[in-house]
Every structure is written in C-alpha cells, then in structure tokens.
C-alpha cells in the first residue's frame, strides 16, 4: 500500500515538475508580440536600407540596433524620401526586397514634416556625385541656392503623428533622420506629441551649419537641444550618427 502511495506521489511530483519546466521554456521562447520597425527619414535611393540590412557594398557602414528577438531582415521597413529623383530607385528597392521576403514600404516624393499637408521643397540639381544631398525644405540651403531652385509643392506627412498611429509601445522602433535641416522643426514636435511612448532609438544627422545665420536661429537651436534632452530623459536612445553619405 505504501509502495503504491509513494509511486502515486512521485508521479504527481514528476508531472508538476514537467509542467513547470515546459511553462518556463514557453515563457522564455514564446514569440514576441512586438514588431521590429525601422523608419528611414531621408532614404535617398535606399542607401541606408543597404546599411541597415548589413549588405556588402553598402555606401557606408553603421551598426543599427536590433532587439534580441529579431534579425535586421525581419524588420518592417519604411522609407520616406522627398526628392522625386529617387522614386524609381525606391520602387526598385521595394520590388527587390519583396522578392526576398523582406517587408519594405515606401513613401516616395514625401516630405517629413510637423503636420500632414503639402510643403515647398527646394531641389538640389548640382550635386550629382553626392546624389543631390542638398535638397531641402529650406530655400537658404547652399545647394538649393546654387541650383536656382524655385521650390516645388510636395506631399508632407506629420511624422510624429504617423509614428503614434503606426507603432505601439511593445514594438522596437528605430528611426534614422537625415532631412537636411528639418530636424530643427520635427524634433521639438516629437516632444510635443510625446513620441517617447513608442520610440526606442533616434539617429539624427544634424544640418545646423547652413541655417545658423537665419533670423532666430539661437532660439531654434536652444529649442531643439531642449527637445533632445527631454527625449533622452524619457528613455529614447540618441547615439551620435553621421553617415558621411
């Protein structure tokens, strides 16, 4: 009788141990509910995408972060670019990576802005060797001036609102921003919109040099520095970033 009881008790303990073991394994290995999202603001001809995916031959090297539960090619990728010159390259990139099973979404001829609408965009048509990197919403950009650009109206997206509408706090969200001076408007707007609720990493390529003589620039610079401090204090990582591209 005692032998039977001991066998039963041992069996119960063994079953409980197995259940606990399986529960622990499932907790540690269950699929993550969040998404890995890379948003490229100022995507050019998808140069940063090549770098993000760690492809050989990319125009520049940079180690973009990723969560422990996803690889770079598992990310949802969103490419925003204002210059219509790059529309064909963005479409080609989307098709290329779609065939490889990589989720690339494009916003061609789209200005990254503080609100939805349209925005005057000044095209650089002189820097052919640097992929017209001086195109900007600022008429005073030296390359726009050299190009005698009169500006063209382009669709604009309020990027802070877009991020809040399309990402969640449980997601791992990485944003790269290379928008030729518009960061001085967009980043304070991010603070106003409490973007830290969804944003993990923000990499900014700063372009203050050509607007430092603009009227009110000291106040503009102070405002963006304060916004940067707020974002960092709220947990947004903002490491130094300079693509050189």
Protein backbone atom coordinates (compact mmCIF):
# COMPACT_ATOMS: atom_id res chain seq x y z
CA UNK A 1 0.00 0.00 0.00
CA UNK A 2 2.82 2.36 0.95
CA UNK A 3 4.62 1.44 -2.24
CA UNK A 4 1.54 2.34 -4.30
CA UNK A 5 1.12 5.62 -2.43
CA UNK A 6 4.77 6.50 -2.97
CA UNK A 7 4.50 5.75 -6.68
CA UNK A 8 1.43 7.97 -6.98
CA UNK A 9 3.07 10.82 -5.04
CA UNK A 10 6.24 10.50 -7.11
CA UNK A 11 4.17 10.56 -10.28
CA UNK A 12 2.38 13.72 -9.18
CA UNK A 13 5.65 15.47 -8.33
CA UNK A 14 7.12 14.37 -11.68
CA UNK A 15 4.10 15.73 -13.58
CA UNK A 16 4.26 19.06 -11.73
CA UNK A 17 7.99 19.31 -12.46
CA UNK A 18 7.39 18.66 -16.18
CA UNK A 19 4.62 21.27 -16.30
CA UNK A 20 6.82 23.87 -14.60
CA UNK A 21 9.70 23.07 -16.94
CA UNK A 22 7.53 23.39 -20.04
CA UNK A 23 5.98 26.60 -18.71
CA UNK A 24 9.41 28.12 -18.15
CA UNK A 25 10.58 27.05 -21.60
CA UNK A 26 7.47 28.53 -23.26
CA UNK A 27 7.83 31.80 -21.37
CA UNK A 28 11.43 32.17 -22.49
CA UNK A 29 10.87 31.09 -26.10
CA UNK A 30 7.36 32.19 -26.98
CA UNK A 31 7.11 34.52 -29.99
CA UNK A 32 7.46 38.20 -29.10
CA UNK A 33 4.23 40.13 -29.65
CA UNK A 34 6.04 43.31 -30.64
CA UNK A 35 7.33 44.25 -34.07
CA UNK A 36 10.81 45.36 -35.09
CA UNK A 37 10.35 48.58 -37.08
CA UNK A 38 12.95 50.64 -38.97
CA UNK A 39 11.85 54.06 -40.24
CA UNK A 40 14.24 55.80 -42.61
CA UNK A 41 13.57 59.53 -42.91
CA UNK A 42 15.57 60.77 -45.87
CA UNK A 43 16.06 57.40 -47.55
CA UNK A 44 17.72 58.76 -50.70
CA UNK A 45 17.99 55.80 -53.11
CA UNK A 46 17.68 53.26 -50.25
CA UNK A 47 21.34 53.65 -49.23
CA UNK A 48 20.61 53.43 -45.50
CA UNK A 49 18.49 50.36 -46.11
CA UNK A 50 21.51 48.55 -47.53
CA UNK A 51 23.48 49.57 -44.43
CA UNK A 52 20.66 48.56 -42.08
CA UNK A 53 20.50 45.10 -43.67
CA UNK A 54 24.31 44.83 -43.39
CA UNK A 55 24.80 44.19 -47.07
CA UNK A 56 28.29 44.14 -48.52
CA UNK A 57 28.98 47.09 -50.77
CA UNK A 58 26.69 49.49 -48.89
CA UNK A 59 27.64 53.15 -49.32
CA UNK A 60 28.56 53.50 -45.63
CA UNK A 61 28.95 51.35 -42.53
CA UNK A 62 26.84 51.72 -39.41
CA UNK A 63 25.59 49.22 -36.87
CA UNK A 64 21.89 49.90 -36.37
CA UNK A 65 20.49 48.25 -33.23
CA UNK A 66 18.03 45.38 -33.19
CA UNK A 67 16.08 43.57 -30.48
CA UNK A 68 17.30 40.22 -29.21
CA UNK A 69 14.23 38.51 -30.66
CA UNK A 70 14.58 39.64 -34.30
CA UNK A 71 17.16 39.97 -37.06
CA UNK A 72 17.53 43.03 -39.28
CA UNK A 73 15.85 41.35 -42.25
CA UNK A 74 12.82 40.55 -40.08
CA UNK A 75 12.08 44.24 -39.52
CA UNK A 76 9.19 46.17 -41.01
CA UNK A 77 10.96 48.86 -43.02
CA UNK A 78 9.53 52.26 -44.02
CA UNK A 79 11.41 54.53 -46.42
CA UNK A 80 10.50 58.23 -46.64
CA UNK A 81 12.13 60.38 -49.33
CA UNK A 82 11.11 63.80 -50.61
CA UNK A 83 13.24 64.06 -53.75
CA UNK A 84 11.26 62.70 -56.73
CA UNK A 85 14.55 61.88 -58.48
CA UNK A 86 14.75 58.79 -56.26
CA UNK A 87 11.25 57.47 -56.92
CA UNK A 88 12.41 54.78 -59.42
CA UNK A 89 15.18 53.61 -57.06
CA UNK A 90 12.72 53.27 -54.17
CA UNK A 91 10.28 51.27 -56.29
CA UNK A 92 13.11 49.00 -57.43
CA UNK A 93 14.24 48.50 -53.81
CA UNK A 94 10.72 47.59 -52.73
CA UNK A 95 10.41 45.01 -55.52
CA UNK A 96 13.89 43.60 -54.90
CA UNK A 97 13.32 43.02 -51.20
CA UNK A 98 9.73 41.88 -51.63
CA UNK A 99 11.09 39.00 -53.71
CA UNK A 100 13.47 38.19 -50.83
CA UNK A 101 10.64 38.20 -48.29
CA UNK A 102 11.74 41.46 -46.64
CA UNK A 103 8.94 43.87 -45.75
CA UNK A 104 9.82 47.25 -47.34
CA UNK A 105 7.26 50.05 -47.59
CA UNK A 106 7.98 53.27 -49.48
CA UNK A 107 6.78 56.88 -49.22
CA UNK A 108 8.24 58.49 -52.37
CA UNK A 109 8.01 62.23 -53.02
CA UNK A 110 7.03 62.72 -49.37
CA UNK A 111 8.37 65.46 -47.10
CA UNK A 112 8.88 64.57 -43.43
CA UNK A 113 7.18 67.42 -41.59
CA UNK A 114 5.40 68.51 -38.41
CA UNK A 115 1.93 68.11 -39.94
CA UNK A 116 0.12 66.50 -42.85
CA UNK A 117 -0.40 68.60 -45.95
CA UNK A 118 1.99 69.95 -48.56
CA UNK A 119 5.37 71.63 -48.26
CA UNK A 120 7.59 73.60 -50.63
CA UNK A 121 10.69 71.55 -51.38
CA UNK A 122 13.83 73.01 -52.93
CA UNK A 123 15.68 70.62 -55.23
CA UNK A 124 19.43 70.33 -55.45
CA UNK A 125 20.38 69.62 -59.06
CA UNK A 126 24.11 70.33 -58.85
CA UNK A 127 25.48 67.62 -56.55
CA UNK A 128 25.33 64.72 -58.95
CA UNK A 129 28.29 62.98 -57.27
CA UNK A 130 26.53 63.07 -53.88
CA UNK A 131 23.03 62.10 -55.00
CA UNK A 132 21.66 65.65 -54.74
CA UNK A 133 22.11 65.61 -50.98
CA UNK A 134 21.35 69.35 -50.65
CA UNK A 135 17.64 69.13 -51.47
CA UNK A 136 15.77 70.67 -48.58
CA UNK A 137 12.66 72.43 -47.28
CA UNK A 138 14.98 75.39 -46.63
CA UNK A 139 15.35 77.80 -49.55
CA UNK A 140 18.60 79.02 -47.98
CA UNK A 141 20.36 75.68 -48.31
CA UNK A 142 23.57 76.47 -50.28
CA UNK A 143 22.91 73.69 -52.81
CA UNK A 144 19.34 74.84 -53.37
CA UNK A 145 20.66 78.35 -53.93
CA UNK A 146 23.29 77.11 -56.39
CA UNK A 147 20.54 75.19 -58.18
CA UNK A 148 18.41 78.35 -58.52
CA UNK A 149 15.56 76.25 -57.18
CA UNK A 150 12.18 77.97 -57.00
CA UNK A 151 10.71 75.13 -54.98
CA UNK A 152 8.02 72.59 -55.79
CA UNK A 153 4.97 71.58 -53.76
CA UNK A 154 5.24 68.05 -52.39
CA UNK A 155 3.03 65.95 -50.09
CA UNK A 156 4.06 66.23 -46.44
CA UNK A 157 3.47 63.81 -43.56
CA UNK A 158 3.46 64.75 -39.88
CA UNK A 159 5.91 62.06 -38.85
CA UNK A 160 5.19 62.21 -35.12
CA UNK A 161 1.52 61.55 -35.72
CA UNK A 162 2.38 58.80 -38.22
CA UNK A 163 4.61 57.04 -35.69
CA UNK A 164 1.95 57.22 -32.98
CA UNK A 165 -0.65 55.81 -35.38
CA UNK A 166 1.51 53.00 -36.78
CA UNK A 167 3.60 51.73 -33.87
CA UNK A 168 2.99 50.54 -30.30
CA UNK A 169 4.95 50.74 -27.03
CA UNK A 170 5.69 46.99 -27.22
CA UNK A 171 7.38 47.44 -30.62
CA UNK A 172 11.11 48.02 -31.05
CA UNK A 173 11.22 51.21 -33.13
CA UNK A 174 14.38 52.61 -34.72
CA UNK A 175 14.25 55.92 -36.62
CA UNK A 176 17.05 57.33 -38.78
CA UNK A 177 16.63 61.03 -39.60
CA UNK A 178 18.60 62.77 -42.36
CA UNK A 179 16.30 65.57 -43.52
CA UNK A 180 18.58 68.50 -44.29
CA UNK A 181 17.70 70.94 -41.53
CA UNK A 182 14.06 69.99 -40.99
CA UNK A 183 15.13 68.16 -37.83
CA UNK A 184 15.07 71.55 -36.07
CA UNK A 185 11.29 71.61 -36.56
CA UNK A 186 10.48 67.90 -36.38
CA UNK A 187 12.27 67.00 -33.13
CA UNK A 188 10.55 69.63 -30.95
CA UNK A 189 7.26 68.43 -32.45
CA UNK A 190 8.15 64.90 -31.35
CA UNK A 191 8.35 66.12 -27.78
CA UNK A 192 5.05 67.95 -28.13
CA UNK A 193 3.46 64.70 -29.33
CA UNK A 194 5.06 62.54 -26.57
CA UNK A 195 6.79 60.36 -29.15
CA UNK A 196 8.80 58.57 -26.45
CA UNK A 197 5.79 56.35 -25.83
CA UNK A 198 6.66 54.40 -29.00
CA UNK A 199 10.23 55.35 -29.95
CA UNK A 200 13.32 53.43 -28.82
CA UNK A 201 16.19 54.80 -30.95
CA UNK A 202 16.53 58.06 -32.87
CA UNK A 203 19.60 58.63 -35.05
CA UNK A 204 19.87 62.21 -36.28
CA UNK A 205 22.25 63.62 -38.85
CA UNK A 206 22.38 67.29 -37.91
CA UNK A 207 22.48 70.09 -40.53
CA UNK A 208 22.65 73.28 -38.48
CA UNK A 209 25.51 74.86 -40.37
CA UNK A 210 23.59 76.37 -43.24
CA UNK A 211 20.76 77.81 -41.14
CA UNK A 212 22.84 79.24 -38.29
CA UNK A 213 22.63 82.70 -39.84
CA UNK A 214 18.85 82.58 -40.12
CA UNK A 215 16.93 85.05 -38.01
CA UNK A 216 16.03 83.49 -34.68
CA UNK A 217 18.44 80.56 -35.04
CA UNK A 218 19.79 80.82 -31.45
CA UNK A 219 16.23 80.30 -30.17
CA UNK A 220 15.66 77.48 -32.68
CA UNK A 221 18.87 75.76 -31.62
CA UNK A 222 18.04 76.13 -27.93
CA UNK A 223 14.58 74.68 -28.52
CA UNK A 224 15.88 71.60 -30.35
CA UNK A 225 18.57 71.00 -27.72
CA UNK A 226 15.92 71.13 -25.00
CA UNK A 227 13.76 68.73 -27.00
CA UNK A 228 16.70 66.35 -27.34
CA UNK A 229 17.26 66.45 -23.59
CA UNK A 230 13.60 65.66 -22.96
CA UNK A 231 13.60 62.71 -25.36
CA UNK A 232 16.71 61.25 -23.73
CA UNK A 233 15.29 61.77 -20.24
CA UNK A 234 12.17 59.86 -21.32
CA UNK A 235 14.22 56.88 -22.44
CA UNK A 236 14.80 57.49 -26.15
CA UNK A 237 18.33 56.49 -27.14
CA UNK A 238 20.01 59.14 -29.35
CA UNK A 239 23.56 57.98 -30.13
CA UNK A 240 25.83 60.06 -32.31
CA UNK A 241 25.18 59.49 -36.01
CA UNK A 242 26.92 60.72 -39.16
CA UNK A 243 26.65 58.62 -42.29
CA UNK A 244 29.08 60.69 -44.31
CA UNK A 245 26.87 59.90 -47.30
